[in-house]
């Protein structure tokens, strides 16, 4: 089955392939390689390079003032 057959539409004109669907479903529970790799490697939790807060999905998408503008611009170019 091709990715086009497996894709779903999350917004008009925006297709989400299964790989992206997995990422979208992991975001609310904060299970991403970037935010949880320290658990497997036995190192300290990563910090945001801009504001030195613990690196979490919520911080990346909502809280960090340095990343909020970048994400807003990225979404603008993707959606429009």
Protein backbone atom coordinates (compact mmCIF):
# COMPACT_ATOMS: atom_id res chain seq x y z
CA UNK A 1 0.00 0.00 0.00
CA UNK A 2 1.46 3.37 -0.99
CA UNK A 3 1.74 6.36 1.32
CA UNK A 4 -0.93 8.12 -0.74
CA UNK A 5 -3.39 5.32 0.01
CA UNK A 6 -2.47 5.35 3.72
CA UNK A 7 -2.54 9.10 4.12
CA UNK A 8 -5.25 10.96 5.95
CA UNK A 9 -6.38 14.53 5.65
CA UNK A 10 -6.06 16.58 8.84
CA UNK A 11 -7.00 19.93 7.30
CA UNK A 12 -8.21 20.92 3.85
CA UNK A 13 -5.36 20.27 1.43
CA UNK A 14 -2.93 18.97 4.10
CA UNK A 15 -2.08 15.27 3.90
CA UNK A 16 -0.59 13.36 6.81
CA UNK A 17 1.24 10.14 5.97
CA UNK A 18 1.48 7.36 8.61
CA UNK A 19 4.97 8.43 9.73
CA UNK A 20 3.70 11.93 10.45
CA UNK A 21 0.61 10.53 12.18
CA UNK A 22 2.88 8.68 14.64
CA UNK A 23 4.73 11.90 15.41
CA UNK A 24 1.47 13.83 15.89
CA UNK A 25 0.18 11.18 18.29
CA UNK A 26 3.43 11.17 20.33
CA UNK A 27 3.51 14.93 20.85
CA UNK A 28 0.86 15.17 23.62
CA UNK A 29 2.65 12.53 25.71
CA UNK A 30 6.06 14.12 25.12
CA UNK A 31 7.54 10.97 23.56
CA UNK A 32 10.06 12.19 21.02
CA UNK A 33 13.68 11.30 20.48
CA UNK A 34 14.78 14.86 21.14
CA UNK A 35 13.00 15.20 24.47
CA UNK A 36 13.54 11.67 25.84
CA UNK A 37 16.91 10.52 24.46
CA UNK A 38 18.59 11.39 27.76
CA UNK A 39 16.68 8.55 29.45
CA UNK A 40 18.31 5.96 27.18
CA UNK A 41 21.76 7.50 27.16
CA UNK A 42 21.93 8.09 30.92
CA UNK A 43 22.84 11.76 30.53
CA UNK A 44 21.21 14.88 31.92
CA UNK A 45 18.02 16.18 30.32
CA UNK A 46 18.68 18.49 27.38
CA UNK A 47 18.16 22.21 27.84
CA UNK A 48 16.85 24.77 25.39
CA UNK A 49 19.84 26.63 23.98
CA UNK A 50 17.89 29.90 23.92
CA UNK A 51 16.51 30.07 27.46
CA UNK A 52 18.10 27.12 29.28
CA UNK A 53 14.80 25.52 30.33
CA UNK A 54 14.31 21.73 30.22
CA UNK A 55 13.62 20.71 26.63
CA UNK A 56 10.07 19.37 26.31
CA UNK A 57 7.56 19.31 23.48
CA UNK A 58 5.42 21.88 25.31
CA UNK A 59 8.44 24.16 25.68
CA UNK A 60 9.38 23.85 22.00
CA UNK A 61 5.86 24.41 20.65
CA UNK A 62 4.39 26.87 23.16
CA UNK A 63 6.62 28.27 25.88
CA UNK A 64 9.94 29.24 24.30
CA UNK A 65 9.86 32.83 23.02
CA UNK A 66 12.83 32.22 20.74
CA UNK A 67 11.21 29.24 19.02
CA UNK A 68 7.63 30.53 18.86
CA UNK A 69 8.40 32.99 16.07
CA UNK A 70 10.33 30.36 14.09
CA UNK A 71 7.49 27.86 14.38
CA UNK A 72 4.89 30.46 13.41
CA UNK A 73 6.83 31.37 10.30
CA UNK A 74 7.37 27.72 9.40
CA UNK A 75 3.68 26.91 9.72
CA UNK A 76 2.80 29.97 7.65
CA UNK A 77 5.00 28.78 4.78
CA UNK A 78 3.71 25.20 5.03
CA UNK A 79 0.03 26.11 5.09
CA UNK A 80 0.09 29.01 2.65
